């Protein structure tokens, strides 16, 4: 599944709201931002943020395959392990990505590559 620019920005906004909702229990500023929102809605925002990251990762699993095809030649015995490491790199990229900077696939490629090669 290919995400449009608008879908990507929307997923990142949902992710960011989830991060704020998660931080509301420990950070004063996050709590202030969510003043007046019921606890059930804060929990729903948190869960929606995690779902947004999951959607972003699932839509870009091809990046992991691309990295493996370029950098894991001859390592077929550990390909499953390298795939798992690549997915961990992709998840890390999904949590850190800023849509104002560059395309997600470009950003994620370097995270995945780093995870696979180390």
N, C-alpha and C. Protein backbone atom coordinates (compact mmCIF):
# COMPACT_ATOMS: atom_id res chain seq x y z
N UNK A 1 0.84 -1.17 0.00
CA UNK A 1 0.00 0.00 0.00
C UNK A 1 0.89 1.24 0.00
N UNK A 2 0.62 2.13 -0.89
CA UNK A 2 1.38 3.38 -0.98
C UNK A 2 0.56 4.48 -0.32
N UNK A 3 1.22 5.23 0.53
CA UNK A 3 0.55 6.33 1.22
C UNK A 3 0.75 7.62 0.45
N UNK A 4 -0.31 8.42 0.37
CA UNK A 4 -0.17 9.75 -0.22
C UNK A 4 0.47 10.67 0.82
N UNK A 5 0.89 11.81 0.39
CA UNK A 5 1.51 12.79 1.31
C UNK A 5 0.52 13.16 2.42
N UNK A 6 -0.74 13.34 2.06
CA UNK A 6 -1.76 13.72 3.04
C UNK A 6 -1.98 12.61 4.07
N UNK A 7 -2.00 11.35 3.61
CA UNK A 7 -2.16 10.23 4.53
C UNK A 7 -0.96 10.13 5.47
N UNK A 8 0.22 10.36 4.94
CA UNK A 8 1.43 10.31 5.76
C UNK A 8 1.41 11.38 6.85
N UNK A 9 1.03 12.60 6.48
CA UNK A 9 0.95 13.69 7.45
C UNK A 9 -0.11 13.37 8.50
N UNK A 10 -1.23 12.83 8.07
CA UNK A 10 -2.32 12.49 9.01
C UNK A 10 -1.87 11.42 9.99
N UNK A 11 -1.16 10.41 9.51
CA UNK A 11 -0.64 9.37 10.40
C UNK A 11 0.34 9.96 11.41
N UNK A 12 1.18 10.87 10.96
CA UNK A 12 2.15 11.48 11.88
C UNK A 12 1.45 12.37 12.91
N UNK A 13 0.39 13.04 12.53
CA UNK A 13 -0.37 13.84 13.48
C UNK A 13 -1.03 12.95 14.53
N UNK A 14 -1.61 11.83 14.09
CA UNK A 14 -2.20 10.87 15.04
C UNK A 14 -1.14 10.30 15.98
N UNK A 15 0.04 9.97 15.42
CA UNK A 15 1.14 9.46 16.23
C UNK A 15 1.53 10.48 17.28
N UNK A 16 1.65 11.74 16.88
CA UNK A 16 2.06 12.79 17.81
C UNK A 16 1.04 13.01 18.91
N UNK A 17 -0.24 12.94 18.58
CA UNK A 17 -1.27 13.07 19.61
C UNK A 17 -1.19 11.90 20.59
N UNK A 18 -0.88 10.72 20.09
CA UNK A 18 -0.70 9.57 20.96
C UNK A 18 0.48 9.74 21.89
N UNK A 19 1.56 10.34 21.39
CA UNK A 19 2.73 10.60 22.22
C UNK A 19 2.37 11.57 23.34
N UNK A 20 1.63 12.62 23.01
CA UNK A 20 1.21 13.59 24.02
C UNK A 20 0.29 12.92 25.04
N UNK A 21 -0.63 12.09 24.56
CA UNK A 21 -1.54 11.40 25.47
C UNK A 21 -0.78 10.46 26.40
N UNK A 22 0.23 9.76 25.88
CA UNK A 22 1.05 8.88 26.72
C UNK A 22 1.82 9.67 27.77
N UNK A 23 2.28 10.86 27.40
CA UNK A 23 3.09 11.67 28.30
C UNK A 23 2.26 12.43 29.33
N UNK A 24 0.95 12.48 29.15
CA UNK A 24 0.10 13.28 30.03
C UNK A 24 0.16 12.85 31.48
N UNK A 25 0.45 11.60 31.73
CA UNK A 25 0.48 11.13 33.12
C UNK A 25 1.76 11.56 33.86
N UNK A 26 2.81 11.92 33.12
CA UNK A 26 4.07 12.25 33.78
C UNK A 26 4.60 13.64 33.47
N UNK A 27 4.13 14.28 32.42
CA UNK A 27 4.67 15.58 32.03
C UNK A 27 3.60 16.66 32.18
N UNK A 28 3.97 17.72 32.85
CA UNK A 28 3.04 18.81 33.12
C UNK A 28 2.52 19.47 31.85
N UNK A 29 3.42 19.72 30.89
CA UNK A 29 3.02 20.40 29.66
C UNK A 29 2.02 19.55 28.86
N UNK A 30 2.27 18.26 28.78
CA UNK A 30 1.34 17.37 28.07
C UNK A 30 -0.01 17.34 28.78
N UNK A 31 0.02 17.33 30.09
CA UNK A 31 -1.23 17.33 30.87
C UNK A 31 -2.00 18.62 30.61
N UNK A 32 -1.27 19.74 30.52
CA UNK A 32 -1.91 21.03 30.26
C UNK A 32 -2.57 21.04 28.88
N UNK A 33 -1.91 20.44 27.90
CA UNK A 33 -2.47 20.40 26.55
C UNK A 33 -3.77 19.60 26.48
N UNK A 34 -3.91 18.63 27.37
CA UNK A 34 -5.08 17.76 27.34
C UNK A 34 -6.10 18.10 28.43
N UNK A 35 -5.99 19.28 29.01
CA UNK A 35 -6.93 19.71 30.04
C UNK A 35 -8.35 19.71 29.49
N UNK A 36 -9.24 19.13 30.24
CA UNK A 36 -10.65 19.10 29.85
C UNK A 36 -11.04 17.90 29.00
N UNK A 37 -10.08 17.10 28.61
CA UNK A 37 -10.39 15.90 27.83
C UNK A 37 -10.53 14.73 28.80
N UNK A 38 -11.64 14.00 28.70
CA UNK A 38 -11.86 12.88 29.62
C UNK A 38 -10.78 11.80 29.49
N UNK A 39 -10.54 11.09 30.58
CA UNK A 39 -9.49 10.06 30.62
C UNK A 39 -9.70 8.99 29.55
N UNK A 40 -10.96 8.64 29.28
CA UNK A 40 -11.24 7.62 28.26
C UNK A 40 -10.79 8.11 26.88
N UNK A 41 -10.99 9.39 26.63
CA UNK A 41 -10.59 9.96 25.34
C UNK A 41 -9.07 10.05 25.23
N UNK A 42 -8.41 10.33 26.33
CA UNK A 42 -6.94 10.38 26.34
C UNK A 42 -6.40 8.98 26.04
N UNK A 43 -6.99 7.96 26.65
CA UNK A 43 -6.58 6.58 26.39
C UNK A 43 -6.83 6.21 24.93
N UNK A 44 -7.93 6.69 24.37
CA UNK A 44 -8.23 6.42 22.96
C UNK A 44 -7.21 7.10 22.04
N UNK A 45 -6.81 8.32 22.39
CA UNK A 45 -5.78 9.02 21.60
C UNK A 45 -4.46 8.26 21.64
N UNK A 46 -4.13 7.75 22.80
CA UNK A 46 -2.90 6.98 22.95
C UNK A 46 -2.92 5.73 22.07
N UNK A 47 -4.03 5.00 22.12
CA UNK A 47 -4.16 3.78 21.32
C UNK A 47 -4.17 4.11 19.83
N UNK A 48 -4.81 5.21 19.46
CA UNK A 48 -4.85 5.61 18.05
C UNK A 48 -3.45 5.99 17.56
N UNK A 49 -2.64 6.58 18.41
CA UNK A 49 -1.26 6.91 18.04
C UNK A 49 -0.46 5.67 17.74
N UNK A 50 -0.63 4.63 18.56
CA UNK A 50 0.07 3.37 18.31
C UNK A 50 -0.42 2.71 17.03
N UNK A 51 -1.73 2.80 16.77
CA UNK A 51 -2.27 2.24 15.51
C UNK A 51 -1.71 2.98 14.30
N UNK A 52 -1.55 4.29 14.43
CA UNK A 52 -1.00 5.08 13.32
C UNK A 52 0.43 4.64 13.00
N UNK A 53 1.23 4.40 14.02
CA UNK A 53 2.60 3.92 13.80
C UNK A 53 2.57 2.55 13.14
N UNK A 54 1.66 1.69 13.60
CA UNK A 54 1.54 0.36 13.01
C UNK A 54 1.16 0.45 11.53
N UNK A 55 0.24 1.33 11.19
CA UNK A 55 -0.15 1.51 9.79
C UNK A 55 1.03 2.01 8.95
N UNK A 56 1.78 2.94 9.50
CA UNK A 56 2.95 3.48 8.80
C UNK A 56 3.99 2.39 8.55
N UNK A 57 4.22 1.56 9.54
CA UNK A 57 5.19 0.47 9.41
C UNK A 57 4.70 -0.55 8.38
N UNK A 58 3.44 -0.96 8.49
CA UNK A 58 2.90 -1.97 7.57
C UNK A 58 2.92 -1.48 6.13
N UNK A 59 2.68 -0.19 5.93
CA UNK A 59 2.67 0.36 4.57
C UNK A 59 4.07 0.45 3.97
N UNK A 60 5.10 0.35 4.80
CA UNK A 60 6.47 0.53 4.31
C UNK A 60 7.37 -0.67 4.56
N UNK A 61 6.81 -1.84 4.74
CA UNK A 61 7.63 -3.04 4.93
C UNK A 61 8.52 -3.34 3.73
N UNK A 62 8.14 -2.83 2.58
CA UNK A 62 8.95 -3.02 1.38
C UNK A 62 10.35 -2.41 1.51
N UNK A 63 10.48 -1.40 2.34
CA UNK A 63 11.79 -0.78 2.56
C UNK A 63 12.74 -1.81 3.17
N UNK A 64 12.22 -2.64 4.09
CA UNK A 64 13.05 -3.67 4.71
C UNK A 64 13.50 -4.67 3.65
N UNK A 65 12.59 -5.08 2.77
CA UNK A 65 12.95 -5.99 1.69
C UNK A 65 13.99 -5.40 0.76
N UNK A 66 13.86 -4.11 0.47
CA UNK A 66 14.83 -3.43 -0.38
C UNK A 66 16.22 -3.43 0.26
N UNK A 67 16.28 -3.11 1.53
CA UNK A 67 17.57 -3.09 2.23
C UNK A 67 18.18 -4.49 2.24
N UNK A 68 17.37 -5.50 2.52
CA UNK A 68 17.88 -6.86 2.56
C UNK A 68 18.39 -7.31 1.19
N UNK A 69 17.68 -6.93 0.14
CA UNK A 69 18.13 -7.34 -1.19
C UNK A 69 19.46 -6.69 -1.56
N UNK A 70 19.71 -5.51 -1.02
CA UNK A 70 20.96 -4.80 -1.34
C UNK A 70 22.11 -5.15 -0.41
N UNK A 71 21.81 -5.48 0.84
CA UNK A 71 22.89 -5.61 1.82
C UNK A 71 22.99 -6.97 2.50
N UNK A 72 22.11 -7.90 2.17
CA UNK A 72 22.16 -9.20 2.85
C UNK A 72 22.45 -10.34 1.89
N UNK A 73 23.04 -10.03 0.78
CA UNK A 73 23.37 -11.08 -0.19
C UNK A 73 24.31 -12.10 0.43
N UNK A 74 24.02 -13.37 0.20
CA UNK A 74 24.87 -14.43 0.69
C UNK A 74 24.65 -14.79 2.15
N UNK A 75 23.72 -14.12 2.81
CA UNK A 75 23.47 -14.41 4.22
C UNK A 75 22.07 -15.00 4.40
N UNK A 76 21.76 -16.01 3.62
CA UNK A 76 20.42 -16.57 3.64
C UNK A 76 20.08 -17.27 4.95
N UNK A 77 21.08 -17.78 5.66
CA UNK A 77 20.82 -18.47 6.92
C UNK A 77 20.32 -17.53 8.00
N UNK A 78 20.71 -16.29 7.93
CA UNK A 78 20.28 -15.35 8.96
C UNK A 78 19.33 -14.29 8.41
N UNK A 79 18.76 -14.55 7.24
CA UNK A 79 17.87 -13.57 6.60
C UNK A 79 16.66 -13.23 7.47
N UNK A 80 16.08 -14.22 8.14
CA UNK A 80 14.94 -13.94 9.02
C UNK A 80 15.33 -13.01 10.16
N UNK A 81 16.50 -13.25 10.73
CA UNK A 81 16.99 -12.38 11.81
C UNK A 81 17.23 -10.96 11.29
N UNK A 82 17.80 -10.86 10.11
CA UNK A 82 18.06 -9.54 9.53
C UNK A 82 16.75 -8.82 9.22
N UNK A 83 15.74 -9.58 8.78
CA UNK A 83 14.43 -8.99 8.52
C UNK A 83 13.85 -8.41 9.81
N UNK A 84 13.95 -9.17 10.89
CA UNK A 84 13.43 -8.69 12.18
C UNK A 84 14.17 -7.43 12.62
N UNK A 85 15.47 -7.41 12.46
CA UNK A 85 16.24 -6.22 12.82
C UNK A 85 15.83 -5.03 11.94
N UNK A 86 15.58 -5.31 10.67
CA UNK A 86 15.13 -4.25 9.76
C UNK A 86 13.79 -3.69 10.17
N UNK A 87 12.88 -4.54 10.60
CA UNK A 87 11.57 -4.07 11.05
C UNK A 87 11.72 -3.21 12.31
N UNK A 88 12.63 -3.59 13.19
CA UNK A 88 12.88 -2.77 14.38
C UNK A 88 13.38 -1.39 13.97
N UNK A 89 14.26 -1.34 12.97
CA UNK A 89 14.73 -0.05 12.45
C UNK A 89 13.59 0.75 11.83
N UNK A 90 12.68 0.06 11.15
CA UNK A 90 11.53 0.73 10.53
C UNK A 90 10.60 1.30 11.59
N UNK A 91 10.39 0.56 12.67
CA UNK A 91 9.55 1.05 13.77
C UNK A 91 10.19 2.29 14.40
N UNK A 92 11.49 2.23 14.59
CA UNK A 92 12.20 3.39 15.14
C UNK A 92 12.03 4.60 14.23
N UNK A 93 12.13 4.39 12.94
CA UNK A 93 11.96 5.49 11.99
C UNK A 93 10.54 6.04 12.05
N UNK A 94 9.55 5.17 12.19
CA UNK A 94 8.15 5.60 12.24
C UNK A 94 7.89 6.49 13.46
N UNK A 95 8.53 6.21 14.57
CA UNK A 95 8.34 7.02 15.78
C UNK A 95 9.07 8.35 15.68
N UNK A 96 10.15 8.43 14.92
CA UNK A 96 10.97 9.64 14.89
C UNK A 96 10.74 10.53 13.67
N UNK A 97 10.05 10.06 12.69
CA UNK A 97 9.93 10.76 11.41
C UNK A 97 9.22 12.10 11.53
N UNK A 98 9.75 13.10 10.82
CA UNK A 98 9.13 14.42 10.72
C UNK A 98 8.76 14.63 9.26
N UNK A 99 7.46 14.70 8.94
CA UNK A 99 7.05 14.81 7.53
C UNK A 99 7.49 16.10 6.85
N UNK A 100 7.91 17.08 7.61
CA UNK A 100 8.37 18.33 6.99
C UNK A 100 9.77 18.20 6.42
N UNK A 101 10.49 17.15 6.75
CA UNK A 101 11.89 17.02 6.34
C UNK A 101 12.09 16.37 4.98
N UNK A 102 11.67 15.11 4.84
CA UNK A 102 11.94 14.35 3.61
C UNK A 102 10.87 13.28 3.46
N UNK A 103 10.96 12.51 2.39
CA UNK A 103 10.03 11.40 2.19
C UNK A 103 10.29 10.32 3.24
N UNK A 104 9.24 9.66 3.70
CA UNK A 104 9.41 8.65 4.75
C UNK A 104 10.29 7.51 4.28
N UNK A 105 10.11 7.06 3.06
CA UNK A 105 10.89 5.91 2.59
C UNK A 105 12.39 6.22 2.59
N UNK A 106 12.76 7.45 2.25
CA UNK A 106 14.17 7.85 2.28
C UNK A 106 14.68 7.85 3.71
N UNK A 107 13.91 8.43 4.61
CA UNK A 107 14.28 8.49 6.02
C UNK A 107 14.38 7.09 6.61
N UNK A 108 13.38 6.26 6.32
CA UNK A 108 13.34 4.92 6.88
C UNK A 108 14.46 4.04 6.34
N UNK A 109 14.82 4.23 5.08
CA UNK A 109 15.87 3.41 4.47
C UNK A 109 17.13 3.42 5.32
N UNK A 110 17.55 4.60 5.76
CA UNK A 110 18.79 4.70 6.53
C UNK A 110 18.66 4.09 7.92
N UNK A 111 17.49 4.20 8.54
CA UNK A 111 17.26 3.56 9.83
C UNK A 111 17.30 2.04 9.68
N UNK A 112 16.62 1.54 8.66
CA UNK A 112 16.57 0.09 8.43
C UNK A 112 17.97 -0.42 8.07
N UNK A 113 18.65 0.28 7.20
CA UNK A 113 20.00 -0.13 6.80
C UNK A 113 20.93 -0.19 8.01
N UNK A 114 20.86 0.81 8.85
CA UNK A 114 21.69 0.83 10.05
C UNK A 114 21.38 -0.35 10.97
N UNK A 115 20.10 -0.66 11.12
CA UNK A 115 19.71 -1.77 12.00
C UNK A 115 20.17 -3.10 11.42
N UNK A 116 20.08 -3.26 10.11
CA UNK A 116 20.48 -4.51 9.47
C UNK A 116 21.99 -4.68 9.49
N UNK A 117 22.72 -3.63 9.23
CA UNK A 117 24.17 -3.74 9.13
C UNK A 117 24.86 -3.85 10.50
N UNK A 118 24.22 -3.35 11.54
CA UNK A 118 24.84 -3.48 12.86
C UNK A 118 24.36 -4.75 13.49
